Amino acid sequence: MTNPFRLDNQIALITGGGTGIGLGIARCLAAAGAKVVLVGRREPELANAALSIGQAASFVVQDVTKFSEAPALVARVGRIDILVNNAGNDEGACRLPRRGVPSRGTVVRR
């Protein structure tokens, strides 16, 4: 019986894959047999991340918030079996009021 958790010959595109959670996900997918394509804005981080994963990884420098460029990214990558939409950006995000929330560095004692 084959392992149902193997991802051999699957192509995974991970936005925000150069660092943090995205890189962790990319490492796990590669360990399961997938080829991973890391996408992000910072080439040095992407290059280092791909190097750390090995031959299963490649990268594309692209700002995924530029929606008009998405079709070119998909065309460049080709087949995508798995999409991990992990890129984070808080520009223009809704800012909730900080009522009753202490500022950073404040020690709260009860």
PDB file of N, CA and C in Angstrom:
ATOM      1  N   MET A   1       0.844  -1.188   0.000  1.00  0.00           N
ATOM      2  CA  MET A   1       0.000   0.000   0.000  1.00  0.00           C
ATOM      3  C   MET A   1       0.883   1.244   0.000  1.00  0.00           C
ATOM      4  N   THR A   2       0.535   2.208  -0.828  1.00  0.00           N
ATOM      5  CA  THR A   2       1.301   3.444  -0.877  1.00  0.00           C
ATOM      6  C   THR A   2       0.891   4.353   0.281  1.00  0.00           C
ATOM      7  N   ASN A   3       1.792   5.213   0.648  1.00  0.00           N
ATOM      8  CA  ASN A   3       1.541   6.148   1.733  1.00  0.00           C
ATOM      9  C   ASN A   3       0.591   7.247   1.240  1.00  0.00           C
ATOM     10  N   PRO A   4      -0.591   7.388   1.826  1.00  0.00           N
ATOM     11  CA  PRO A   4      -1.551   8.386   1.353  1.00  0.00           C
ATOM     12  C   PRO A   4      -1.101   9.824   1.634  1.00  0.00           C
ATOM     13  N   PHE A   5      -0.064   9.996   2.429  1.00  0.00           N
ATOM     14  CA  PHE A   5       0.412  11.336   2.764  1.00  0.00           C
ATOM     15  C   PHE A   5       1.565  11.787   1.888  1.00  0.00           C
ATOM     16  N   ARG A   6       2.009  10.955   0.963  1.00  0.00           N
ATOM     17  CA  ARG A   6       3.080  11.326   0.044  1.00  0.00           C
ATOM     18  C   ARG A   6       2.551  12.319  -0.991  1.00  0.00           C
ATOM     19  N   LEU A   7       3.404  13.231  -1.398  1.00  0.00           N
ATOM     20  CA  LEU A   7       3.038  14.242  -2.386  1.00  0.00           C
ATOM     21  C   LEU A   7       3.962  14.178  -3.597  1.00  0.00           C
ATOM     22  N   ASP A   8       4.458  12.990  -3.902  1.00  0.00           N
ATOM     23  CA  ASP A   8       5.384  12.829  -5.019  1.00  0.00           C
ATOM     24  C   ASP A   8       4.776  13.380  -6.310  1.00  0.00           C
ATOM     25  N   ASN A   9       5.626  14.123  -7.041  1.00  0.00           N
ATOM     26  CA  ASN A   9       5.255  14.701  -8.339  1.00  0.00           C
ATOM     27  C   ASN A   9       4.184  15.788  -8.262  1.00  0.00           C
ATOM     28  N   GLN A  10       3.876  16.278  -7.083  1.00  0.00           N
ATOM     29  CA  GLN A  10       2.946  17.393  -6.928  1.00  0.00           C
ATOM     30  C   GLN A  10       3.750  18.693  -6.920  1.00  0.00           C
ATOM     31  N   ILE A  11       3.180  19.740  -7.480  1.00  0.00           N
ATOM     32  CA  ILE A  11       3.810  21.060  -7.502  1.00  0.00           C
ATOM     33  C   ILE A  11       3.056  21.950  -6.518  1.00  0.00           C
ATOM     34  N   ALA A  12       3.784  22.486  -5.540  1.00  0.00           N
ATOM     35  CA  ALA A  12       3.182  23.357  -4.525  1.00  0.00           C
ATOM     36  C   ALA A  12       3.738  24.773  -4.665  1.00  0.00           C
ATOM     37  N   LEU A  13       2.863  25.748  -4.789  1.00  0.00           N
ATOM     38  CA  LEU A  13       3.251  27.151  -4.824  1.00  0.00           C
ATOM     39  C   LEU A  13       2.921  27.731  -3.456  1.00  0.00           C
ATOM     40  N   ILE A  14       3.930  28.316  -2.806  1.00  0.00           N
ATOM     41  CA  ILE A  14       3.746  28.868  -1.458  1.00  0.00           C
ATOM     42  C   ILE A  14       4.068  30.348  -1.486  1.00  0.00           C
ATOM     43  N   THR A  15       3.058  31.199  -1.318  1.00  0.00           N
ATOM     44  CA  THR A  15       3.322  32.630  -1.224  1.00  0.00           C
ATOM     45  C   THR A  15       3.841  32.916   0.181  1.00  0.00           C
ATOM     46  N   GLY A  16       4.759  33.855   0.281  1.00  0.00           N
ATOM     47  CA  GLY A  16       5.381  34.126   1.573  1.00  0.00           C
ATOM     48  C   GLY A  16       6.226  32.951   2.027  1.00  0.00           C
ATOM     49  N   GLY A  17       6.792  32.222   1.079  1.00  0.00           N
ATOM     50  CA  GLY A  17       7.520  30.996   1.395  1.00  0.00           C
ATOM     51  C   GLY A  17       8.973  31.177   1.778  1.00  0.00           C
ATOM     52  N   GLY A  18       9.448  32.400   1.818  1.00  0.00           N
ATOM     53  CA  GLY A  18      10.865  32.620   2.110  1.00  0.00           C
ATOM     54  C   GLY A  18      11.230  32.590   3.576  1.00  0.00           C
ATOM     55  N   THR A  19      10.258  32.797   4.445  1.00  0.00           N
ATOM     56  CA  THR A  19      10.538  32.856   5.884  1.00  0.00           C
ATOM     57  C   THR A  19       9.325  32.349   6.662  1.00  0.00           C
ATOM     58  N   GLY A  20       9.518  32.179   7.938  1.00  0.00           N
ATOM     59  CA  GLY A  20       8.427  31.917   8.865  1.00  0.00           C
ATOM     60  C   GLY A  20       7.586  30.695   8.560  1.00  0.00           C
ATOM     61  N   ILE A  21       6.281  30.858   8.729  1.00  0.00           N
ATOM     62  CA  ILE A  21       5.341  29.759   8.551  1.00  0.00           C
ATOM     63  C   ILE A  21       5.385  29.236   7.121  1.00  0.00           C
ATOM     64  N   GLY A  22       5.472  30.129   6.143  1.00  0.00           N
ATOM     65  CA  GLY A  22       5.525  29.706   4.746  1.00  0.00           C
ATOM     66  C   GLY A  22       6.714  28.803   4.469  1.00  0.00           C
ATOM     67  N   LEU A  23       7.871  29.152   5.016  1.00  0.00           N
ATOM     68  CA  LEU A  23       9.068  28.321   4.849  1.00  0.00           C
ATOM     69  C   LEU A  23       8.879  26.983   5.549  1.00  0.00           C
ATOM     70  N   GLY A  24       8.296  26.991   6.723  1.00  0.00           N
ATOM     71  CA  GLY A  24       8.034  25.744   7.436  1.00  0.00           C
ATOM     72  C   GLY A  24       7.112  24.823   6.653  1.00  0.00           C
ATOM     73  N   ILE A  25       6.075  25.399   6.067  1.00  0.00           N
ATOM     74  CA  ILE A  25       5.151  24.614   5.241  1.00  0.00           C
ATOM     75  C   ILE A  25       5.885  24.066   4.021  1.00  0.00           C
ATOM     76  N   ALA A  26       6.707  24.895   3.394  1.00  0.00           N
ATOM     77  CA  ALA A  26       7.455  24.459   2.218  1.00  0.00           C
ATOM     78  C   ALA A  26       8.372  23.286   2.560  1.00  0.00           C
ATOM     79  N   ARG A  27       9.031  23.360   3.690  1.00  0.00           N
ATOM     80  CA  ARG A  27       9.914  22.258   4.103  1.00  0.00           C
ATOM     81  C   ARG A  27       9.128  20.959   4.302  1.00  0.00           C
ATOM     82  N   CYS A  28       7.971  21.059   4.918  1.00  0.00           N
ATOM     83  CA  CYS A  28       7.139  19.866   5.147  1.00  0.00           C
ATOM     84  C   CYS A  28       6.642  19.281   3.830  1.00  0.00           C
ATOM     85  N   LEU A  29       6.189  20.139   2.924  1.00  0.00           N
ATOM     86  CA  LEU A  29       5.703  19.650   1.638  1.00  0.00           C
ATOM     87  C   LEU A  29       6.829  18.994   0.842  1.00  0.00           C
ATOM     88  N   ALA A  30       8.012  19.592   0.873  1.00  0.00           N
ATOM     89  CA  ALA A  30       9.162  19.007   0.171  1.00  0.00           C
ATOM     90  C   ALA A  30       9.546  17.664   0.788  1.00  0.00           C
ATOM     91  N   ALA A  31       9.507  17.581   2.106  1.00  0.00           N
ATOM     92  CA  ALA A  31       9.830  16.325   2.785  1.00  0.00           C
ATOM     93  C   ALA A  31       8.832  15.224   2.418  1.00  0.00           C
ATOM     94  N   ALA A  32       7.601  15.631   2.062  1.00  0.00           N
ATOM     95  CA  ALA A  32       6.578  14.666   1.663  1.00  0.00           C
ATOM     96  C   ALA A  32       6.654  14.333   0.173  1.00  0.00           C
ATOM     97  N   GLY A  33       7.616  14.940  -0.531  1.00  0.00           N
ATOM     98  CA  GLY A  33       7.846  14.593  -1.922  1.00  0.00           C
ATOM     99  C   GLY A  33       7.431  15.623  -2.955  1.00  0.00           C
ATOM    100  N   ALA A  34       6.842  16.738  -2.519  1.00  0.00           N
ATOM    101  CA  ALA A  34       6.404  17.767  -3.474  1.00  0.00           C
ATOM    102  C   ALA A  34       7.584  18.596  -3.953  1.00  0.00           C
ATOM    103  N   LYS A  35       7.434  19.145  -5.142  1.00  0.00           N
ATOM    104  CA  LYS A  35       8.319  20.191  -5.642  1.00  0.00           C
ATOM    105  C   LYS A  35       7.694  21.498  -5.179  1.00  0.00           C
ATOM    106  N   VAL A  36       8.462  22.359  -4.538  1.00  0.00           N
ATOM    107  CA  VAL A  36       7.899  23.587  -3.995  1.00  0.00           C
ATOM    108  C   VAL A  36       8.434  24.803  -4.739  1.00  0.00           C
ATOM    109  N   VAL A  37       7.543  25.754  -4.987  1.00  0.00           N
ATOM    110  CA  VAL A  37       7.904  27.021  -5.606  1.00  0.00           C
ATOM    111  C   VAL A  37       7.607  28.100  -4.580  1.00  0.00           C
ATOM    112  N   LEU A  38       8.656  28.736  -4.089  1.00  0.00           N
ATOM    113  CA  LEU A  38       8.517  29.788  -3.083  1.00  0.00           C
ATOM    114  C   LEU A  38       8.318  31.120  -3.803  1.00  0.00           C
ATOM    115  N   VAL A  39       7.345  31.892  -3.370  1.00  0.00           N
ATOM    116  CA  VAL A  39       7.052  33.183  -3.989  1.00  0.00           C
ATOM    117  C   VAL A  39       7.068  34.251  -2.909  1.00  0.00           C
ATOM    118  N   GLY A  40       7.719  35.367  -3.208  1.00  0.00           N
ATOM    119  CA  GLY A  40       7.766  36.478  -2.268  1.00  0.00           C
ATOM    120  C   GLY A  40       8.459  37.667  -2.894  1.00  0.00           C
ATOM    121  N   ARG A  41       8.605  38.719  -2.121  1.00  0.00           N
ATOM    122  CA  ARG A  41       9.186  39.965  -2.630  1.00  0.00           C
ATOM    123  C   ARG A  41      10.684  40.057  -2.425  1.00  0.00           C
ATOM    124  N   ARG A  42      11.232  39.316  -1.464  1.00  0.00           N
ATOM    125  CA  ARG A  42      12.639  39.501  -1.080  1.00  0.00           C
ATOM    126  C   ARG A  42      13.511  38.363  -1.610  1.00  0.00           C
ATOM    127  N   GLU A  43      14.257  38.666  -2.664  1.00  0.00           N
ATOM    128  CA  GLU A  43      15.057  37.635  -3.322  1.00  0.00           C
ATOM    129  C   GLU A  43      16.081  36.968  -2.404  1.00  0.00           C
ATOM    130  N   PRO A  44      16.813  37.707  -1.569  1.00  0.00           N
ATOM    131  CA  PRO A  44      17.796  37.017  -0.720  1.00  0.00           C
ATOM    132  C   PRO A  44      17.165  35.962   0.195  1.00  0.00           C
ATOM    133  N   GLU A  45      16.021  36.285   0.793  1.00  0.00           N
ATOM    134  CA  GLU A  45      15.343  35.334   1.671  1.00  0.00           C
ATOM    135  C   GLU A  45      14.847  34.125   0.891  1.00  0.00           C
ATOM    136  N   LEU A  46      14.288  34.373  -0.289  1.00  0.00           N
ATOM    137  CA  LEU A  46      13.803  33.269  -1.115  1.00  0.00           C
ATOM    138  C   LEU A  46      14.943  32.356  -1.552  1.00  0.00           C
ATOM    139  N   ALA A  47      16.051  32.955  -1.980  1.00  0.00           N
ATOM    140  CA  ALA A  47      17.200  32.164  -2.430  1.00  0.00           C
ATOM    141  C   ALA A  47      17.751  31.311  -1.294  1.00  0.00           C
ATOM    142  N   ASN A  48      17.883  31.898  -0.117  1.00  0.00           N
ATOM    143  CA  ASN A  48      18.383  31.142   1.045  1.00  0.00           C
ATOM    144  C   ASN A  48      17.416  30.031   1.434  1.00  0.00           C
ATOM    145  N   ALA A  49      16.124  30.324   1.383  1.00  0.00           N
ATOM    146  CA  ALA A  49      15.124  29.319   1.732  1.00  0.00           C
ATOM    147  C   ALA A  49      15.164  28.155   0.749  1.00  0.00           C
ATOM    148  N   ALA A  50      15.220  28.460  -0.543  1.00  0.00           N
ATOM    149  CA  ALA A  50      15.273  27.405  -1.556  1.00  0.00           C
ATOM    150  C   ALA A  50      16.538  26.571  -1.394  1.00  0.00           C
ATOM    151  N   LEU A  51      17.646  27.217  -1.120  1.00  0.00           N
ATOM    152  CA  LEU A  51      18.906  26.502  -0.906  1.00  0.00           C
ATOM    153  C   LEU A  51      18.813  25.579   0.303  1.00  0.00           C
ATOM    154  N   SER A  52      18.155  26.044   1.361  1.00  0.00           N
ATOM    155  CA  SER A  52      18.035  25.230   2.575  1.00  0.00           C
ATOM    156  C   SER A  52      17.143  24.003   2.355  1.00  0.00           C
ATOM    157  N   ILE A  53      16.188  24.103   1.436  1.00  0.00           N
ATOM    158  CA  ILE A  53      15.297  22.974   1.149  1.00  0.00           C
ATOM    159  C   ILE A  53      15.972  21.988   0.208  1.00  0.00           C
ATOM    160  N   GLY A  54      16.711  22.498  -0.756  1.00  0.00           N
ATOM    161  CA  GLY A  54      17.424  21.618  -1.688  1.00  0.00           C
ATOM    162  C   GLY A  54      16.796  21.570  -3.060  1.00  0.00           C
ATOM    163  N   GLN A  55      17.047  20.488  -3.777  1.00  0.00           N
ATOM    164  CA  GLN A  55      16.639  20.378  -5.177  1.00  0.00           C
ATOM    165  C   GLN A  55      15.135  20.400  -5.388  1.00  0.00           C
ATOM    166  N   ALA A  56      14.372  20.151  -4.366  1.00  0.00           N
ATOM    167  CA  ALA A  56      12.911  20.160  -4.503  1.00  0.00           C
ATOM    168  C   ALA A  56      12.342  21.574  -4.553  1.00  0.00           C
ATOM    169  N   ALA A  57      13.193  22.595  -4.350  1.00  0.00           N
ATOM    170  CA  ALA A  57      12.691  23.966  -4.241  1.00  0.00           C
ATOM    171  C   ALA A  57      13.223  24.866  -5.349  1.00  0.00           C
ATOM    172  N   SER A  58      12.358  25.773  -5.761  1.00  0.00           N
ATOM    173  CA  SER A  58      12.734  26.878  -6.642  1.00  0.00           C
ATOM    174  C   SER A  58      12.006  28.109  -6.113  1.00  0.00           C
ATOM    175  N   PHE A  59      12.305  29.264  -6.694  1.00  0.00           N
ATOM    176  CA  PHE A  59      11.629  30.464  -6.201  1.00  0.00           C
ATOM    177  C   PHE A  59      11.364  31.443  -7.335  1.00  0.00           C
ATOM    178  N   VAL A  60      10.372  32.295  -7.094  1.00  0.00           N
ATOM    179  CA  VAL A  60      10.005  33.368  -8.004  1.00  0.00           C
ATOM    180  C   VAL A  60       9.840  34.626  -7.171  1.00  0.00           C
ATOM    181  N   VAL A  61      10.522  35.692  -7.565  1.00  0.00           N
ATOM    182  CA  VAL A  61      10.373  36.974  -6.881  1.00  0.00           C
ATOM    183  C   VAL A  61       9.167  37.680  -7.481  1.00  0.00           C
ATOM    184  N   GLN A  62       8.148  37.900  -6.659  1.00  0.00           N
ATOM    185  CA  GLN A  62       6.936  38.561  -7.124  1.00  0.00           C
ATOM    186  C   GLN A  62       6.149  39.078  -5.934  1.00  0.00           C
ATOM    187  N   ASP A  63       5.591  40.250  -6.097  1.00  0.00           N
ATOM    188  CA  ASP A  63       4.691  40.824  -5.098  1.00  0.00           C
ATOM    189  C   ASP A  63       3.282  40.357  -5.429  1.00  0.00           C
ATOM    190  N   VAL A  64       2.757  39.441  -4.642  1.00  0.00           N
ATOM    191  CA  VAL A  64       1.446  38.859  -4.960  1.00  0.00           C
ATOM    192  C   VAL A  64       0.287  39.816  -4.710  1.00  0.00           C
ATOM    193  N   THR A  65       0.561  40.988  -4.142  1.00  0.00           N
ATOM    194  CA  THR A  65      -0.510  41.976  -3.999  1.00  0.00           C
ATOM    195  C   THR A  65      -0.763  42.710  -5.311  1.00  0.00           C
ATOM    196  N   LYS A  66       0.100  42.510  -6.295  1.00  0.00           N
ATOM    197  CA  LYS A  66      -0.102  43.091  -7.630  1.00  0.00           C
ATOM    198  C   LYS A  66      -0.894  42.071  -8.451  1.00  0.00           C
ATOM    199  N   PHE A  67      -2.205  42.135  -8.288  1.00  0.00           N
ATOM    200  CA  PHE A  67      -3.090  41.131  -8.868  1.00  0.00           C
ATOM    201  C   PHE A  67      -2.975  41.038 -10.384  1.00  0.00           C
ATOM    202  N   SER A  68      -2.658  42.142 -11.034  1.00  0.00           N
ATOM    203  CA  SER A  68      -2.553  42.121 -12.500  1.00  0.00           C
ATOM    204  C   SER A  68      -1.405  41.232 -12.974  1.00  0.00           C
ATOM    205  N   GLU A  69      -0.445  40.935 -12.092  1.00  0.00           N
ATOM    206  CA  GLU A  69       0.703  40.104 -12.453  1.00  0.00           C
ATOM    207  C   GLU A  69       0.482  38.616 -12.145  1.00  0.00           C
ATOM    208  N   ALA A  70      -0.649  38.283 -11.551  1.00  0.00           N
ATOM    209  CA  ALA A  70      -0.921  36.892 -11.176  1.00  0.00           C
ATOM    210  C   ALA A  70      -0.941  35.935 -12.373  1.00  0.00           C
ATOM    211  N   PRO A  71      -1.583  36.292 -13.490  1.00  0.00           N
ATOM    212  CA  PRO A  71      -1.578  35.359 -14.622  1.00  0.00           C
ATOM    213  C   PRO A  71      -0.165  35.028 -15.118  1.00  0.00           C
ATOM    214  N   ALA A  72       0.726  35.996 -15.109  1.00  0.00           N
ATOM    215  CA  ALA A  72       2.108  35.745 -15.535  1.00  0.00           C
ATOM    216  C   ALA A  72       2.812  34.795 -14.566  1.00  0.00           C
ATOM    217  N   LEU A  73       2.527  34.920 -13.274  1.00  0.00           N
ATOM    218  CA  LEU A  73       3.113  34.015 -12.281  1.00  0.00           C
ATOM    219  C   LEU A  73       2.636  32.590 -12.528  1.00  0.00           C
ATOM    220  N   VAL A  74       1.347  32.423 -12.735  1.00  0.00           N
ATOM    221  CA  VAL A  74       0.792  31.091 -12.981  1.00  0.00           C
ATOM    222  C   VAL A  74       1.382  30.500 -14.256  1.00  0.00           C
ATOM    223  N   ALA A  75       1.502  31.315 -15.292  1.00  0.00           N
ATOM    224  CA  ALA A  75       2.083  30.837 -16.550  1.00  0.00           C
ATOM    225  C   ALA A  75       3.538  30.433 -16.367  1.00  0.00           C
ATOM    226  N   ARG A  76       4.273  31.184 -15.574  1.00  0.00           N
ATOM    227  CA  ARG A  76       5.688  30.885 -15.341  1.00  0.00           C
ATOM    228  C   ARG A  76       5.867  29.575 -14.583  1.00  0.00           C
ATOM    229  N   VAL A  77       5.025  29.365 -13.593  1.00  0.00           N
ATOM    230  CA  VAL A  77       5.128  28.154 -12.776  1.00  0.00           C
ATOM    231  C   VAL A  77       4.609  26.945 -13.535  1.00  0.00           C
ATOM    232  N   GLY A  78       3.553  27.141 -14.310  1.00  0.00           N
ATOM    233  CA  GLY A  78       2.945  26.018 -15.026  1.00  0.00           C
ATOM    234  C   GLY A  78       1.918  25.338 -14.153  1.00  0.00           C
ATOM    235  N   ARG A  79       2.020  24.045 -14.050  1.00  0.00           N
ATOM    236  CA  ARG A  79       1.047  23.284 -13.265  1.00  0.00           C
ATOM    237  C   ARG A  79       1.186  23.607 -11.774  1.00  0.00           C
ATOM    238  N   ILE A  80       0.063  23.828 -11.120  1.00  0.00           N
ATOM    239  CA  ILE A  80       0.046  24.037  -9.669  1.00  0.00           C
ATOM    240  C   ILE A  80      -0.971  23.061  -9.097  1.00  0.00           C
ATOM    241  N   ASP A  81      -0.494  22.127  -8.286  1.00  0.00           N
ATOM    242  CA  ASP A  81      -1.378  21.151  -7.649  1.00  0.00           C
ATOM    243  C   ASP A  81      -1.818  21.600  -6.264  1.00  0.00           C
ATOM    244  N   ILE A  82      -0.936  22.323  -5.592  1.00  0.00           N
ATOM    245  CA  ILE A  82      -1.185  22.753  -4.210  1.00  0.00           C
ATOM    246  C   ILE A  82      -0.871  24.236  -4.133  1.00  0.00           C
ATOM    247  N   LEU A  83      -1.793  25.010  -3.583  1.00  0.00           N
ATOM    248  CA  LEU A  83      -1.570  26.442  -3.380  1.00  0.00           C
ATOM    249  C   LEU A  83      -1.654  26.746  -1.894  1.00  0.00           C
ATOM    250  N   VAL A  84      -0.586  27.339  -1.366  1.00  0.00           N
ATOM    251  CA  VAL A  84      -0.578  27.803   0.017  1.00  0.00           C
ATOM    252  C   VAL A  84      -0.489  29.316  -0.047  1.00  0.00           C
ATOM    253  N   ASN A  85      -1.599  29.982   0.230  1.00  0.00           N
ATOM    254  CA  ASN A  85      -1.671  31.433   0.164  1.00  0.00           C
ATOM    255  C   ASN A  85      -1.322  31.988   1.547  1.00  0.00           C
ATOM    256  N   ASN A  86      -0.033  32.158   1.785  1.00  0.00           N
ATOM    257  CA  ASN A  86       0.473  32.487   3.105  1.00  0.00           C
ATOM    258  C   ASN A  86       1.013  33.911   3.218  1.00  0.00           C
ATOM    259  N   ALA A  87       1.192  34.604   2.113  1.00  0.00           N
ATOM    260  CA  ALA A  87       1.810  35.933   2.158  1.00  0.00           C
ATOM    261  C   ALA A  87       1.014  36.856   3.060  1.00  0.00           C
ATOM    262  N   GLY A  88       1.727  37.575   3.897  1.00  0.00           N
ATOM    263  CA  GLY A  88       1.075  38.490   4.818  1.00  0.00           C
ATOM    264  C   GLY A  88       1.407  39.925   4.488  1.00  0.00           C
ATOM    265  N   ASN A  89       0.427  40.786   4.659  1.00  0.00           N
ATOM    266  CA  ASN A  89       0.613  42.210   4.400  1.00  0.00           C
ATOM    267  C   ASN A  89      -0.454  42.946   5.187  1.00  0.00           C
ATOM    268  N   ASP A  90      -0.035  43.857   6.034  1.00  0.00           N
ATOM    269  CA  ASP A  90      -1.039  44.573   6.815  1.00  0.00           C
ATOM    270  C   ASP A  90      -1.280  45.988   6.298  1.00  0.00           C
ATOM    271  N   GLU A  91      -0.716  46.313   5.137  1.00  0.00           N
ATOM    272  CA  GLU A  91      -0.967  47.634   4.570  1.00  0.00           C
ATOM    273  C   GLU A  91      -2.436  47.736   4.200  1.00  0.00           C
ATOM    274  N   GLY A  92      -3.083  48.752   4.677  1.00  0.00           N
ATOM    275  CA  GLY A  92      -4.491  48.946   4.370  1.00  0.00           C
ATOM    276  C   GLY A  92      -5.418  48.053   5.176  1.00  0.00           C
ATOM    277  N   ALA A  93      -4.848  47.303   6.107  1.00  0.00           N
ATOM    278  CA  ALA A  93      -5.679  46.409   6.915  1.00  0.00           C
ATOM    279  C   ALA A  93      -6.557  47.222   7.852  1.00  0.00           C
ATOM    280  N   CYS A  94      -7.627  46.638   8.227  1.00  0.00           N
ATOM    281  CA  CYS A  94      -8.536  47.276   9.171  1.00  0.00           C
ATOM    282  C   CYS A  94      -7.831  47.404  10.519  1.00  0.00           C
ATOM    283  N   ARG A  95      -7.797  48.564  11.049  1.00  0.00           N
ATOM    284  CA  ARG A  95      -7.175  48.795  12.346  1.00  0.00           C
ATOM    285  C   ARG A  95      -8.263  48.851  13.417  1.00  0.00           C
ATOM    286  N   LEU A  96      -8.213  47.906  14.318  1.00  0.00           N
ATOM    287  CA  LEU A  96      -9.190  47.879  15.395  1.00  0.00           C
ATOM    288  C   LEU A  96      -8.730  48.796  16.516  1.00  0.00           C
ATOM    289  N   PRO A  97      -9.656  49.452  17.173  1.00  0.00           N
ATOM    290  CA  PRO A  97      -9.263  50.313  18.293  1.00  0.00           C
ATOM    291  C   PRO A  97      -8.654  49.478  19.413  1.00  0.00           C
ATOM    292  N   ARG A  98      -7.694  50.048  20.104  1.00  0.00           N
ATOM    293  CA  ARG A  98      -6.985  49.333  21.161  1.00  0.00           C
ATOM    294  C   ARG A  98      -7.576  49.651  22.531  1.00  0.00           C
ATOM    295  N   ARG A  99      -8.861  49.729  22.638  1.00  0.00           N
ATOM    296  CA  ARG A  99      -9.494  50.039  23.915  1.00  0.00           C
ATOM    297  C   ARG A  99      -9.143  49.000  24.962  1.00  0.00           C
ATOM    298  N   GLY A 100      -8.568  49.433  26.038  1.00  0.00           N
ATOM    299  CA  GLY A 100      -8.277  48.533  27.145  1.00  0.00           C
ATOM    300  C   GLY A 100      -7.094  47.605  26.910  1.00  0.00           C
ATOM    301  N   VAL A 101      -6.401  47.782  25.786  1.00  0.00           N
ATOM    302  CA  VAL A 101      -5.245  46.936  25.495  1.00  0.00           C
ATOM    303  C   VAL A 101      -3.992  47.737  25.807  1.00  0.00           C
ATOM    304  N   PRO A 102      -3.141  47.222  26.686  1.00  0.00           N
ATOM    305  CA  PRO A 102      -1.938  47.977  27.032  1.00  0.00           C
ATOM    306  C   PRO A 102      -0.984  48.052  25.851  1.00  0.00           C
ATOM    307  N   SER A 103      -0.181  49.114  25.837  1.00  0.00           N
ATOM    308  CA  SER A 103       0.808  49.256  24.769  1.00  0.00           C
ATOM    309  C   SER A 103       1.939  48.258  24.977  1.00  0.00           C
ATOM    310  N   ARG A 104       2.745  48.071  23.956  1.00  0.00           N
ATOM    311  CA  ARG A 104       3.864  47.137  24.042  1.00  0.00           C
ATOM    312  C   ARG A 104       4.787  47.528  25.186  1.00  0.00           C
ATOM    313  N   GLY A 105       5.299  46.513  25.835  1.00  0.00           N
ATOM    314  CA  GLY A 105       6.241  46.756  26.903  1.00  0.00           C
ATOM    315  C   GLY A 105       5.576  47.002  28.252  1.00  0.00           C
ATOM    316  N   THR A 106       4.276  47.103  28.273  1.00  0.00           N
ATOM    317  CA  THR A 106       3.558  47.336  29.515  1.00  0.00           C
ATOM    318  C   THR A 106       3.382  46.008  30.249  1.00  0.00           C
ATOM    319  N   VAL A 107       3.711  46.012  31.524  1.00  0.00           N
ATOM    320  CA  VAL A 107       3.539  44.813  32.339  1.00  0.00           C
ATOM    321  C   VAL A 107       2.151  44.887  32.969  1.00  0.00           C
ATOM    322  N   VAL A 108       1.375  43.846  32.756  1.00  0.00           N
ATOM    323  CA  VAL A 108       0.023  43.816  33.307  1.00  0.00           C
ATOM    324  C   VAL A 108       0.051  42.875  34.505  1.00  0.00           C
ATOM    325  N   ARG A 109      -0.375  43.395  35.653  1.00  0.00           N
ATOM    326  CA  ARG A 109      -0.413  42.585  36.880  1.00  0.00           C
ATOM    327  C   ARG A 109      -1.831  42.548  37.397  1.00  0.00           C
ATOM    328  N   ARG A 110      -2.186  41.418  37.908  1.00  0.00           N
ATOM    329  CA  ARG A 110      -3.533  41.284  38.488  1.00  0.00           C
ATOM    330  C   ARG A 110      -3.435  41.094  39.969  1.00  0.00           C
TER     331      ARG A 110
END
